């Protein structure tokens, strides 16, 4: 099983991963490191555990916001789908009325 070295907040960690997952882990660790660096810059050196905790909380907040946005977009899409179905039914009714009128005109 491959392993990859990841540096977060100046500390290097060796992490085992599946084959082919190395680059993804590096990108994820880079994102965590970016958040940790931001926190250290904003709050000073508050201890490694707290920096990592705060970085995790910031990322969890971003993820929760993303999930909420996905749910909102799904609801909006479902609403549009329902509106499209209603519009389709209305158009069918109008088409039936037009056909009825056309048939009456042909008979007249």
N, C-alpha and C. Protein backbone atom coordinates (compact mmCIF):
# COMPACT_ATOMS: atom_id res chain seq x y z
N UNK A 1 0.86 -1.17 0.00
CA UNK A 1 0.00 0.00 0.00
C UNK A 1 0.90 1.23 0.00
N UNK A 2 0.65 2.15 -0.93
CA UNK A 2 1.48 3.36 -1.00
C UNK A 2 1.26 4.27 0.21
N UNK A 3 2.24 5.10 0.46
CA UNK A 3 2.09 6.12 1.49
C UNK A 3 2.59 7.44 0.91
N UNK A 4 2.12 8.52 1.49
CA UNK A 4 2.48 9.84 1.00
C UNK A 4 2.82 10.70 2.21
N UNK A 5 3.79 11.59 2.05
CA UNK A 5 4.17 12.52 3.11
C UNK A 5 3.41 13.83 2.88
N UNK A 6 2.72 14.27 3.92
CA UNK A 6 1.91 15.49 3.85
C UNK A 6 2.40 16.46 4.90
N UNK A 7 2.55 17.72 4.52
CA UNK A 7 2.98 18.74 5.48
C UNK A 7 1.81 19.68 5.74
N UNK A 8 1.44 19.76 7.02
CA UNK A 8 0.35 20.63 7.44
C UNK A 8 0.85 21.44 8.63
N UNK A 9 0.77 22.75 8.49
CA UNK A 9 1.19 23.66 9.54
C UNK A 9 2.64 23.41 9.97
N UNK A 10 3.48 23.12 8.99
CA UNK A 10 4.90 22.93 9.25
C UNK A 10 5.29 21.55 9.78
N UNK A 11 4.33 20.67 9.95
CA UNK A 11 4.62 19.33 10.47
C UNK A 11 4.31 18.31 9.39
N UNK A 12 5.21 17.34 9.21
CA UNK A 12 5.06 16.34 8.17
C UNK A 12 4.44 15.07 8.74
N UNK A 13 3.47 14.54 8.01
CA UNK A 13 2.76 13.32 8.40
C UNK A 13 2.90 12.32 7.26
N UNK A 14 3.12 11.06 7.61
CA UNK A 14 3.14 9.99 6.62
C UNK A 14 1.79 9.28 6.69
N UNK A 15 1.11 9.23 5.53
CA UNK A 15 -0.24 8.68 5.49
C UNK A 15 -0.31 7.59 4.43
N UNK A 16 -0.86 6.44 4.80
CA UNK A 16 -1.07 5.36 3.84
C UNK A 16 -2.30 5.68 3.01
N UNK A 17 -2.29 5.23 1.76
CA UNK A 17 -3.42 5.48 0.87
C UNK A 17 -3.50 4.38 -0.17
N UNK A 18 -4.60 4.39 -0.91
CA UNK A 18 -4.75 3.46 -2.00
C UNK A 18 -3.92 3.88 -3.20
N UNK A 19 -3.63 2.93 -4.04
CA UNK A 19 -2.85 3.23 -5.25
C UNK A 19 -3.58 4.28 -6.08
N UNK A 20 -2.85 5.29 -6.52
CA UNK A 20 -3.42 6.33 -7.35
C UNK A 20 -4.07 7.46 -6.58
N UNK A 21 -4.14 7.37 -5.26
CA UNK A 21 -4.77 8.41 -4.45
C UNK A 21 -3.78 9.45 -3.93
N UNK A 22 -2.52 9.28 -4.24
CA UNK A 22 -1.48 10.15 -3.67
C UNK A 22 -1.70 11.62 -4.00
N UNK A 23 -1.94 11.92 -5.26
CA UNK A 23 -2.07 13.32 -5.67
C UNK A 23 -3.30 13.96 -5.04
N UNK A 24 -4.38 13.23 -4.96
CA UNK A 24 -5.59 13.77 -4.32
C UNK A 24 -5.33 14.08 -2.85
N UNK A 25 -4.63 13.19 -2.15
CA UNK A 25 -4.29 13.44 -0.75
C UNK A 25 -3.40 14.66 -0.61
N UNK A 26 -2.47 14.84 -1.52
CA UNK A 26 -1.61 16.02 -1.48
C UNK A 26 -2.43 17.30 -1.64
N UNK A 27 -3.38 17.28 -2.58
CA UNK A 27 -4.23 18.46 -2.78
C UNK A 27 -5.08 18.74 -1.54
N UNK A 28 -5.66 17.69 -0.95
CA UNK A 28 -6.47 17.87 0.25
C UNK A 28 -5.63 18.40 1.41
N UNK A 29 -4.45 17.83 1.57
CA UNK A 29 -3.55 18.29 2.64
C UNK A 29 -3.13 19.74 2.38
N UNK A 30 -2.92 20.09 1.12
CA UNK A 30 -2.57 21.47 0.79
C UNK A 30 -3.68 22.43 1.18
N UNK A 31 -4.92 22.00 1.01
CA UNK A 31 -6.06 22.84 1.39
C UNK A 31 -6.13 23.00 2.91
N UNK A 32 -5.91 21.90 3.63
CA UNK A 32 -5.89 21.96 5.10
C UNK A 32 -4.75 22.85 5.57
N UNK A 33 -3.59 22.70 4.93
CA UNK A 33 -2.43 23.53 5.29
C UNK A 33 -2.72 25.01 5.05
N UNK A 34 -3.40 25.31 3.95
CA UNK A 34 -3.77 26.69 3.64
C UNK A 34 -4.65 27.26 4.75
N UNK A 35 -5.63 26.50 5.21
CA UNK A 35 -6.51 26.95 6.30
C UNK A 35 -5.72 27.11 7.59
N UNK A 36 -4.84 26.17 7.88
CA UNK A 36 -4.03 26.24 9.10
C UNK A 36 -3.12 27.47 9.07
N UNK A 37 -2.55 27.76 7.91
CA UNK A 37 -1.69 28.93 7.76
C UNK A 37 -2.50 30.21 7.96
N UNK A 38 -3.70 30.23 7.41
CA UNK A 38 -4.59 31.38 7.57
C UNK A 38 -4.91 31.60 9.05
N UNK A 39 -5.23 30.53 9.76
CA UNK A 39 -5.57 30.63 11.18
C UNK A 39 -4.36 31.09 11.98
N UNK A 40 -3.20 30.52 11.71
CA UNK A 40 -1.99 30.92 12.41
C UNK A 40 -1.68 32.39 12.17
N UNK A 41 -1.91 32.85 10.94
CA UNK A 41 -1.69 34.26 10.62
C UNK A 41 -2.67 35.18 11.33
N UNK A 42 -3.92 34.72 11.44
CA UNK A 42 -4.96 35.53 12.08
C UNK A 42 -4.85 35.53 13.60
N UNK A 43 -4.57 34.36 14.17
CA UNK A 43 -4.63 34.22 15.63
C UNK A 43 -3.26 34.04 16.29
N UNK A 44 -2.23 33.93 15.50
CA UNK A 44 -0.92 33.64 16.07
C UNK A 44 -0.79 32.15 16.33
N UNK A 45 0.32 31.76 16.89
CA UNK A 45 0.55 30.34 17.15
C UNK A 45 -0.22 29.96 18.41
N UNK A 46 -1.36 29.30 18.23
CA UNK A 46 -2.23 28.92 19.35
C UNK A 46 -2.11 27.45 19.71
N UNK A 47 -1.11 26.82 19.18
CA UNK A 47 -0.91 25.40 19.44
C UNK A 47 -1.37 24.58 18.25
N UNK A 48 -0.61 23.54 17.97
CA UNK A 48 -0.87 22.71 16.79
C UNK A 48 -2.26 22.09 16.80
N UNK A 49 -2.65 21.52 17.92
CA UNK A 49 -3.96 20.86 17.98
C UNK A 49 -5.09 21.85 17.72
N UNK A 50 -5.00 23.04 18.30
CA UNK A 50 -6.06 24.04 18.09
C UNK A 50 -6.08 24.56 16.66
N UNK A 51 -4.91 24.73 16.07
CA UNK A 51 -4.86 25.18 14.68
C UNK A 51 -5.53 24.14 13.78
N UNK A 52 -5.19 22.88 13.97
CA UNK A 52 -5.78 21.81 13.17
C UNK A 52 -7.27 21.71 13.43
N UNK A 53 -7.69 21.84 14.69
CA UNK A 53 -9.12 21.83 15.03
C UNK A 53 -9.84 22.97 14.33
N UNK A 54 -9.31 24.17 14.42
CA UNK A 54 -9.95 25.32 13.79
C UNK A 54 -10.00 25.15 12.26
N UNK A 55 -8.93 24.63 11.67
CA UNK A 55 -8.92 24.38 10.22
C UNK A 55 -10.01 23.38 9.87
N UNK A 56 -10.12 22.32 10.66
CA UNK A 56 -11.17 21.32 10.43
C UNK A 56 -12.56 21.92 10.54
N UNK A 57 -12.76 22.79 11.53
CA UNK A 57 -14.07 23.44 11.69
C UNK A 57 -14.39 24.37 10.52
N UNK A 58 -13.40 25.12 10.06
CA UNK A 58 -13.62 25.99 8.90
C UNK A 58 -13.99 25.18 7.66
N UNK A 59 -13.29 24.08 7.46
CA UNK A 59 -13.56 23.24 6.30
C UNK A 59 -14.93 22.57 6.44
N UNK A 60 -15.27 22.12 7.65
CA UNK A 60 -16.59 21.53 7.88
C UNK A 60 -17.69 22.55 7.62
N UNK A 61 -17.47 23.80 8.00
CA UNK A 61 -18.44 24.86 7.75
C UNK A 61 -18.61 25.08 6.25
N UNK A 62 -17.52 25.10 5.51
CA UNK A 62 -17.59 25.25 4.05
C UNK A 62 -18.37 24.09 3.44
N UNK A 63 -18.09 22.88 3.93
CA UNK A 63 -18.76 21.69 3.41
C UNK A 63 -20.26 21.74 3.72
N UNK A 64 -20.62 22.13 4.94
CA UNK A 64 -22.03 22.24 5.31
C UNK A 64 -22.73 23.26 4.43
N UNK A 65 -22.09 24.39 4.18
CA UNK A 65 -22.66 25.41 3.29
C UNK A 65 -22.85 24.87 1.89
N UNK A 66 -21.89 24.10 1.42
CA UNK A 66 -21.99 23.51 0.08
C UNK A 66 -23.15 22.52 0.01
N UNK A 67 -23.31 21.69 1.04
CA UNK A 67 -24.44 20.74 1.09
C UNK A 67 -25.77 21.49 1.11
N UNK A 68 -25.85 22.57 1.88
CA UNK A 68 -27.08 23.37 1.93
C UNK A 68 -27.39 23.96 0.56
N UNK A 69 -26.38 24.44 -0.13
CA UNK A 69 -26.58 25.01 -1.46
C UNK A 69 -27.03 23.94 -2.46
N UNK A 70 -26.44 22.76 -2.36
CA UNK A 70 -26.85 21.65 -3.24
C UNK A 70 -28.32 21.31 -2.99
N UNK A 71 -28.72 21.23 -1.71
CA UNK A 71 -30.11 20.92 -1.38
C UNK A 71 -31.03 22.01 -1.91
N UNK A 72 -30.62 23.29 -1.78
CA UNK A 72 -31.44 24.39 -2.28
C UNK A 72 -31.60 24.30 -3.80
N UNK A 73 -30.51 24.01 -4.48
CA UNK A 73 -30.57 23.90 -5.94
C UNK A 73 -31.43 22.71 -6.38
N UNK A 74 -31.37 21.61 -5.63
CA UNK A 74 -32.21 20.45 -5.95
C UNK A 74 -33.68 20.81 -5.78
N UNK A 75 -33.99 21.51 -4.69
CA UNK A 75 -35.39 21.91 -4.47
C UNK A 75 -35.85 22.84 -5.58
N UNK A 76 -34.99 23.76 -5.98
CA UNK A 76 -35.35 24.69 -7.06
C UNK A 76 -35.56 23.94 -8.37
N UNK A 77 -34.71 22.97 -8.65
CA UNK A 77 -34.84 22.18 -9.88
C UNK A 77 -36.12 21.36 -9.85
N UNK A 78 -36.45 20.79 -8.69
CA UNK A 78 -37.69 20.03 -8.57
C UNK A 78 -38.89 20.94 -8.77
N UNK A 79 -38.81 22.15 -8.25
CA UNK A 79 -39.89 23.12 -8.44
C UNK A 79 -40.06 23.48 -9.90
N UNK A 80 -38.94 23.64 -10.59
CA UNK A 80 -39.01 23.95 -12.02
C UNK A 80 -39.57 22.79 -12.79
N UNK A 81 -39.20 21.58 -12.37
CA UNK A 81 -39.72 20.38 -13.03
C UNK A 81 -41.23 20.30 -12.85
N UNK A 82 -41.69 20.60 -11.63
CA UNK A 82 -43.13 20.60 -11.37
C UNK A 82 -43.84 21.65 -12.19
N UNK A 83 -43.22 22.82 -12.31
CA UNK A 83 -43.81 23.90 -13.11
C UNK A 83 -43.85 23.49 -14.58
N UNK A 84 -42.82 22.83 -15.04
CA UNK A 84 -42.78 22.38 -16.43
C UNK A 84 -43.88 21.34 -16.68
N UNK A 85 -44.10 20.45 -15.71
CA UNK A 85 -45.17 19.46 -15.84
C UNK A 85 -46.53 20.14 -15.91
N UNK A 86 -46.75 21.12 -15.05
CA UNK A 86 -48.01 21.87 -15.04
C UNK A 86 -48.20 22.60 -16.36
N UNK A 87 -47.14 23.24 -16.84
CA UNK A 87 -47.21 23.94 -18.11
C UNK A 87 -47.52 22.97 -19.25
N UNK A 88 -46.89 21.80 -19.21
CA UNK A 88 -47.15 20.79 -20.23
C UNK A 88 -48.61 20.36 -20.24
N UNK A 89 -49.18 20.15 -19.06
CA UNK A 89 -50.59 19.77 -18.98
C UNK A 89 -51.49 20.89 -19.51
N UNK A 90 -51.16 22.13 -19.16
CA UNK A 90 -51.94 23.27 -19.64
C UNK A 90 -51.87 23.37 -21.16
N UNK A 91 -50.68 23.16 -21.71
CA UNK A 91 -50.54 23.22 -23.16
C UNK A 91 -51.34 22.11 -23.83
N UNK A 92 -51.37 20.92 -23.23
CA UNK A 92 -52.19 19.83 -23.77
C UNK A 92 -53.66 20.21 -23.80
N UNK A 93 -54.14 20.84 -22.72
CA UNK A 93 -55.54 21.27 -22.68
C UNK A 93 -55.84 22.31 -23.75
N UNK A 94 -54.93 23.27 -23.91
CA UNK A 94 -55.12 24.29 -24.95
C UNK A 94 -55.12 23.63 -26.32
N UNK A 95 -54.22 22.69 -26.55
CA UNK A 95 -54.16 22.00 -27.84
C UNK A 95 -55.46 21.25 -28.11
N UNK A 96 -56.01 20.60 -27.09
CA UNK A 96 -57.29 19.90 -27.25
C UNK A 96 -58.40 20.87 -27.60
N UNK A 97 -58.43 22.02 -26.96
CA UNK A 97 -59.44 23.03 -27.26
C UNK A 97 -59.32 23.54 -28.70
N UNK A 98 -58.07 23.79 -29.12
CA UNK A 98 -57.84 24.25 -30.49
C UNK A 98 -58.30 23.19 -31.48
N UNK A 99 -58.00 21.92 -31.21
CA UNK A 99 -58.43 20.83 -32.10
C UNK A 99 -59.95 20.74 -32.16
N UNK A 100 -60.62 20.94 -31.00
CA UNK A 100 -62.08 20.92 -30.97
C UNK A 100 -62.66 22.05 -31.81
N UNK A 101 -62.08 23.25 -31.66
CA UNK A 101 -62.54 24.41 -32.43
C UNK A 101 -62.29 24.16 -33.92
N UNK A 102 -61.13 23.61 -34.26
CA UNK A 102 -60.81 23.35 -35.67
C UNK A 102 -61.79 22.33 -36.24
N UNK A 103 -62.14 21.31 -35.47
CA UNK A 103 -63.09 20.31 -35.95
C UNK A 103 -64.46 20.94 -36.17
N UNK A 104 -64.88 21.84 -35.27
CA UNK A 104 -66.16 22.51 -35.45
C UNK A 104 -66.16 23.39 -36.70
N UNK A 105 -65.03 24.07 -36.92
CA UNK A 105 -64.94 24.93 -38.10
C UNK A 105 -65.01 24.10 -39.40
N UNK A 106 -64.40 22.94 -39.38
CA UNK A 106 -64.44 22.08 -40.57
C UNK A 106 -65.86 21.61 -40.85
N UNK A 107 -66.64 21.39 -39.81
CA UNK A 107 -68.02 20.92 -39.98
C UNK A 107 -68.94 22.04 -40.40
N UNK A 108 -68.58 23.26 -40.13
CA UNK A 108 -69.47 24.38 -40.44
C UNK A 108 -69.49 24.74 -41.89
